[in-house]
Amino acid sequence: MKQKELSILLRIVVVLCGLVWLFFFNWFGKNFILSLIEPDYIFVANALPFSILIPVLIAMIDAWHILTRIGKNNSFCVKNARGLRRISFCALIDTGLVILWGFYSYFHDHVPFANGNEWFYVLLLVIAVVGVAATAAAAALSHLTLKAAHLQDENDLTI
């Protein structure tokens, strides 16, 4: 598979992941959150999950730009390293917001593990672990891409 074809395929995957995320968030998130939280806390219940969505959208936009540069045969550049660093930062923020959402749900509920809600906390724990792993992976890729960009610039100057 050529680099341009790979870039197009990965951009399609980014769009599909975004659509799945929006569908999941819209379909399951709102009703589940409202069922967990009392009516006087509806604003917080709606604001926190939507704030979790913002870093995901920023990371998806950065991924789109990175994949566009990869399609133009510009894989190792400083802009891609910055984009990966921004994706890492967004993953860290998103993980922190998920953890805050879990703590809010746990401490706000009078009996946190009643009514079968324990799977919710397990799911938040899994999401937090995956978020930390994504943060570390994006940060490592950012560092390696920056080193490769400097090596490529150095080799372009010597030839």
C-alpha atoms as a PDB file:
ATOM      1  CA  MET A   1       0.000   0.000   0.000  1.00  0.00           C
ATOM      2  CA  LYS A   2       1.354   3.401  -0.965  1.00  0.00           C
ATOM      3  CA  GLN A   3       1.731   6.211   1.497  1.00  0.00           C
ATOM      4  CA  LYS A   4      -1.073   8.292  -0.008  1.00  0.00           C
ATOM      5  CA  GLU A   5      -3.493   5.340   0.067  1.00  0.00           C
ATOM      6  CA  LEU A   6      -2.544   4.628   3.677  1.00  0.00           C
ATOM      7  CA  SER A   7      -3.177   8.260   4.560  1.00  0.00           C
ATOM      8  CA  ILE A   8      -6.635   8.177   2.959  1.00  0.00           C
ATOM      9  CA  LEU A   9      -7.503   4.910   4.703  1.00  0.00           C
ATOM     10  CA  LEU A  10      -6.413   6.256   8.086  1.00  0.00           C
ATOM     11  CA  ARG A  11      -8.386   9.469   7.554  1.00  0.00           C
ATOM     12  CA  ILE A  12     -11.479   7.367   6.863  1.00  0.00           C
ATOM     13  CA  VAL A  13     -10.785   5.502  10.120  1.00  0.00           C
ATOM     14  CA  VAL A  14     -10.519   8.834  11.994  1.00  0.00           C
ATOM     15  CA  VAL A  15     -13.870   9.981  10.582  1.00  0.00           C
ATOM     16  CA  LEU A  16     -15.532   6.643  11.423  1.00  0.00           C
ATOM     17  CA  CYS A  17     -14.131   6.738  14.967  1.00  0.00           C
ATOM     18  CA  GLY A  18     -15.482  10.256  15.361  1.00  0.00           C
ATOM     19  CA  LEU A  19     -18.923   9.205  14.158  1.00  0.00           C
ATOM     20  CA  VAL A  20     -18.958   6.187  16.469  1.00  0.00           C
ATOM     21  CA  TRP A  21     -17.847   8.369  19.380  1.00  0.00           C
ATOM     22  CA  LEU A  22     -20.592  10.930  18.686  1.00  0.00           C
ATOM     23  CA  PHE A  23     -23.218   8.215  18.291  1.00  0.00           C
ATOM     24  CA  PHE A  24     -22.164   6.508  21.522  1.00  0.00           C
ATOM     25  CA  PHE A  25     -21.985   9.763  23.399  1.00  0.00           C
ATOM     26  CA  ASN A  26     -25.350  11.014  22.168  1.00  0.00           C
ATOM     27  CA  TRP A  27     -27.178   7.694  22.458  1.00  0.00           C
ATOM     28  CA  PHE A  28     -25.914   6.319  25.762  1.00  0.00           C
ATOM     29  CA  GLY A  29     -24.245   9.175  27.588  1.00  0.00           C
ATOM     30  CA  LYS A  30     -27.019  11.632  28.189  1.00  0.00           C
ATOM     31  CA  ASN A  31     -29.675   9.234  29.482  1.00  0.00           C
ATOM     32  CA  PHE A  32     -27.211   7.277  31.591  1.00  0.00           C
ATOM     33  CA  ILE A  33     -25.795  10.381  33.193  1.00  0.00           C
ATOM     34  CA  LEU A  34     -29.228  11.792  33.922  1.00  0.00           C
ATOM     35  CA  SER A  35     -30.277   8.502  35.499  1.00  0.00           C
ATOM     36  CA  LEU A  36     -27.304   8.592  37.882  1.00  0.00           C
ATOM     37  CA  ILE A  37     -27.610  12.162  39.046  1.00  0.00           C
ATOM     38  CA  GLU A  38     -30.381  13.927  40.865  1.00  0.00           C
ATOM     39  CA  PRO A  39     -32.373  16.606  39.001  1.00  0.00           C
ATOM     40  CA  ASP A  40     -30.776  19.531  40.836  1.00  0.00           C
ATOM     41  CA  TYR A  41     -27.361  18.560  39.432  1.00  0.00           C
ATOM     42  CA  ILE A  42     -28.435  18.299  35.776  1.00  0.00           C
ATOM     43  CA  PHE A  43     -26.142  21.151  34.660  1.00  0.00           C
ATOM     44  CA  VAL A  44     -23.028  19.438  36.010  1.00  0.00           C
ATOM     45  CA  ALA A  45     -24.240  16.119  34.603  1.00  0.00           C
ATOM     46  CA  ASN A  46     -24.485  17.610  31.126  1.00  0.00           C
ATOM     47  CA  ALA A  47     -21.433  19.893  31.267  1.00  0.00           C
ATOM     48  CA  LEU A  48     -18.786  17.373  32.347  1.00  0.00           C
ATOM     49  CA  PRO A  49     -19.365  14.764  29.629  1.00  0.00           C
ATOM     50  CA  PHE A  50     -19.499  17.449  26.950  1.00  0.00           C
ATOM     51  CA  SER A  51     -16.198  18.834  28.234  1.00  0.00           C
ATOM     52  CA  ILE A  52     -14.776  15.323  27.763  1.00  0.00           C
ATOM     53  CA  LEU A  53     -15.784  15.562  24.088  1.00  0.00           C
ATOM     54  CA  ILE A  54     -13.745  18.725  23.379  1.00  0.00           C
ATOM     55  CA  PRO A  55     -10.238  17.191  23.742  1.00  0.00           C
ATOM     56  CA  VAL A  56     -11.335  14.250  21.577  1.00  0.00           C
ATOM     57  CA  LEU A  57     -12.386  16.599  18.788  1.00  0.00           C
ATOM     58  CA  ILE A  58      -9.146  18.596  19.036  1.00  0.00           C
ATOM     59  CA  ALA A  59      -7.121  15.366  18.862  1.00  0.00           C
ATOM     60  CA  MET A  60      -9.114  14.195  15.841  1.00  0.00           C
ATOM     61  CA  ILE A  61      -8.448  17.475  14.012  1.00  0.00           C
ATOM     62  CA  ASP A  62      -4.725  17.158  14.774  1.00  0.00           C
ATOM     63  CA  ALA A  63      -4.769  13.541  13.583  1.00  0.00           C
ATOM     64  CA  TRP A  64      -6.427  14.649  10.349  1.00  0.00           C
ATOM     65  CA  HIS A  65      -3.681  17.243   9.728  1.00  0.00           C
ATOM     66  CA  ILE A  66      -0.946  14.727  10.532  1.00  0.00           C
ATOM     67  CA  LEU A  67      -2.427  12.169   8.149  1.00  0.00           C
ATOM     68  CA  THR A  68      -2.716  14.816   5.431  1.00  0.00           C
ATOM     69  CA  ARG A  69       1.006  15.582   5.778  1.00  0.00           C
ATOM     70  CA  ILE A  70       1.802  11.869   5.705  1.00  0.00           C
ATOM     71  CA  GLY A  71      -0.142  11.618   2.438  1.00  0.00           C
ATOM     72  CA  LYS A  72       2.021  14.407   1.013  1.00  0.00           C
ATOM     73  CA  ASN A  73       5.168  12.407   1.923  1.00  0.00           C
ATOM     74  CA  ASN A  74       6.038  14.725   4.788  1.00  0.00           C
ATOM     75  CA  SER A  75       5.880  12.241   7.640  1.00  0.00           C
ATOM     76  CA  PHE A  76       8.795  13.470   9.712  1.00  0.00           C
ATOM     77  CA  CYS A  77       8.347  17.162  10.280  1.00  0.00           C
ATOM     78  CA  VAL A  78       8.180  19.446  13.272  1.00  0.00           C
ATOM     79  CA  LYS A  79       4.455  20.139  12.662  1.00  0.00           C
ATOM     80  CA  ASN A  80       3.663  16.434  13.024  1.00  0.00           C
ATOM     81  CA  ALA A  81       5.685  16.276  16.241  1.00  0.00           C
ATOM     82  CA  ARG A  82       3.762  19.268  17.616  1.00  0.00           C
ATOM     83  CA  GLY A  83       0.466  17.698  16.573  1.00  0.00           C
ATOM     84  CA  LEU A  84       1.354  14.448  18.331  1.00  0.00           C
ATOM     85  CA  ARG A  85       2.349  16.395  21.429  1.00  0.00           C
ATOM     86  CA  ARG A  86      -1.024  18.187  21.321  1.00  0.00           C
ATOM     87  CA  ILE A  87      -2.779  14.811  20.936  1.00  0.00           C
ATOM     88  CA  SER A  88      -0.845  13.572  23.976  1.00  0.00           C
ATOM     89  CA  PHE A  89      -1.907  16.615  25.965  1.00  0.00           C
ATOM     90  CA  CYS A  90      -5.551  16.168  24.875  1.00  0.00           C
ATOM     91  CA  ALA A  91      -5.436  12.503  25.929  1.00  0.00           C
ATOM     92  CA  LEU A  92      -4.067  13.553  29.321  1.00  0.00           C
ATOM     93  CA  ILE A  93      -6.795  16.182  29.777  1.00  0.00           C
ATOM     94  CA  ASP A  94      -9.470  13.731  28.672  1.00  0.00           C
ATOM     95  CA  THR A  95      -8.197  11.087  31.080  1.00  0.00           C
ATOM     96  CA  GLY A  96      -8.223  13.617  33.912  1.00  0.00           C
ATOM     97  CA  LEU A  97     -11.791  14.639  33.081  1.00  0.00           C
ATOM     98  CA  VAL A  98     -12.909  11.003  33.021  1.00  0.00           C
ATOM     99  CA  ILE A  99     -11.328  10.473  36.439  1.00  0.00           C
ATOM    100  CA  LEU A 100     -13.036  13.632  37.752  1.00  0.00           C
ATOM    101  CA  TRP A 101     -16.332  12.400  36.320  1.00  0.00           C
ATOM    102  CA  GLY A 102     -15.844   9.092  38.127  1.00  0.00           C
ATOM    103  CA  PHE A 103     -15.057  10.791  41.432  1.00  0.00           C
ATOM    104  CA  TYR A 104     -18.025  13.118  41.021  1.00  0.00           C
ATOM    105  CA  SER A 105     -20.350  10.192  40.315  1.00  0.00           C
ATOM    106  CA  TYR A 106     -18.917   8.157  43.189  1.00  0.00           C
ATOM    107  CA  PHE A 107     -19.115  10.853  45.848  1.00  0.00           C
ATOM    108  CA  HIS A 108     -22.393  12.314  44.662  1.00  0.00           C
ATOM    109  CA  ASP A 109     -24.236   8.990  44.755  1.00  0.00           C
ATOM    110  CA  HIS A 110     -25.380   8.082  48.270  1.00  0.00           C
ATOM    111  CA  VAL A 111     -24.817   4.371  47.713  1.00  0.00           C
ATOM    112  CA  PRO A 112     -22.302   4.232  44.816  1.00  0.00           C
ATOM    113  CA  PHE A 113     -22.503   0.518  44.046  1.00  0.00           C
ATOM    114  CA  ALA A 114     -26.263   0.180  44.379  1.00  0.00           C
ATOM    115  CA  ASN A 115     -28.559  -0.508  41.416  1.00  0.00           C
ATOM    116  CA  GLY A 116     -25.832  -2.223  39.380  1.00  0.00           C
ATOM    117  CA  ASN A 117     -23.663   0.882  38.894  1.00  0.00           C
ATOM    118  CA  GLU A 118     -20.401  -0.902  39.681  1.00  0.00           C
ATOM    119  CA  TRP A 119     -19.804  -1.640  35.987  1.00  0.00           C
ATOM    120  CA  PHE A 120     -19.808   2.130  35.378  1.00  0.00           C
ATOM    121  CA  TYR A 121     -16.814   2.575  37.683  1.00  0.00           C
ATOM    122  CA  VAL A 122     -15.015  -0.382  36.127  1.00  0.00           C
ATOM    123  CA  LEU A 123     -15.599   1.161  32.698  1.00  0.00           C
ATOM    124  CA  LEU A 124     -14.223   4.507  33.889  1.00  0.00           C
ATOM    125  CA  LEU A 125     -11.157   2.741  35.293  1.00  0.00           C
ATOM    126  CA  VAL A 126     -10.543   0.968  31.980  1.00  0.00           C
ATOM    127  CA  ILE A 127     -10.980   4.248  30.083  1.00  0.00           C
ATOM    128  CA  ALA A 128      -8.517   5.950  32.449  1.00  0.00           C
ATOM    129  CA  VAL A 129      -5.899   3.231  31.927  1.00  0.00           C
ATOM    130  CA  VAL A 130      -6.323   3.372  28.146  1.00  0.00           C
ATOM    131  CA  GLY A 131      -6.097   7.174  28.310  1.00  0.00           C
ATOM    132  CA  VAL A 132      -2.818   7.064  30.207  1.00  0.00           C
ATOM    133  CA  ALA A 133      -1.453   4.533  27.703  1.00  0.00           C
ATOM    134  CA  ALA A 134      -2.556   6.745  24.787  1.00  0.00           C
ATOM    135  CA  THR A 135      -0.919   9.750  26.443  1.00  0.00           C
ATOM    136  CA  ALA A 136       2.375   7.907  26.817  1.00  0.00           C
ATOM    137  CA  ALA A 137       2.245   6.506  23.269  1.00  0.00           C
ATOM    138  CA  ALA A 138       1.505   9.884  21.682  1.00  0.00           C
ATOM    139  CA  ALA A 139       4.237  11.569  23.736  1.00  0.00           C
ATOM    140  CA  ALA A 140       6.768   8.916  22.698  1.00  0.00           C
ATOM    141  CA  LEU A 141       5.752   9.196  19.046  1.00  0.00           C
ATOM    142  CA  SER A 142       6.031  12.977  19.272  1.00  0.00           C
ATOM    143  CA  HIS A 143       9.560  12.715  20.633  1.00  0.00           C
ATOM    144  CA  LEU A 144      10.608  10.170  18.009  1.00  0.00           C
ATOM    145  CA  THR A 145       9.037  12.182  15.180  1.00  0.00           C
ATOM    146  CA  LEU A 146      10.864  15.304  16.315  1.00  0.00           C
ATOM    147  CA  LYS A 147      14.170  13.421  16.416  1.00  0.00           C
ATOM    148  CA  ALA A 148      13.506  11.982  12.947  1.00  0.00           C
ATOM    149  CA  ALA A 149      12.630  15.458  11.629  1.00  0.00           C
ATOM    150  CA  HIS A 150      15.917  16.855  12.934  1.00  0.00           C
ATOM    151  CA  LEU A 151      17.839  13.939  11.411  1.00  0.00           C
ATOM    152  CA  GLN A 152      16.063  14.424   8.087  1.00  0.00           C
ATOM    153  CA  ASP A 153      16.863  18.172   8.096  1.00  0.00           C
ATOM    154  CA  GLU A 154      20.484  17.396   8.934  1.00  0.00           C
ATOM    155  CA  ASN A 155      20.740  14.865   6.098  1.00  0.00           C
ATOM    156  CA  ASP A 156      19.079  17.243   3.630  1.00  0.00           C
ATOM    157  CA  LEU A 157      21.679  19.885   4.456  1.00  0.00           C
ATOM    158  CA  THR A 158      24.661  17.554   4.027  1.00  0.00           C
ATOM    159  CA  ILE A 159      23.585  16.242   0.613  1.00  0.00           C
END
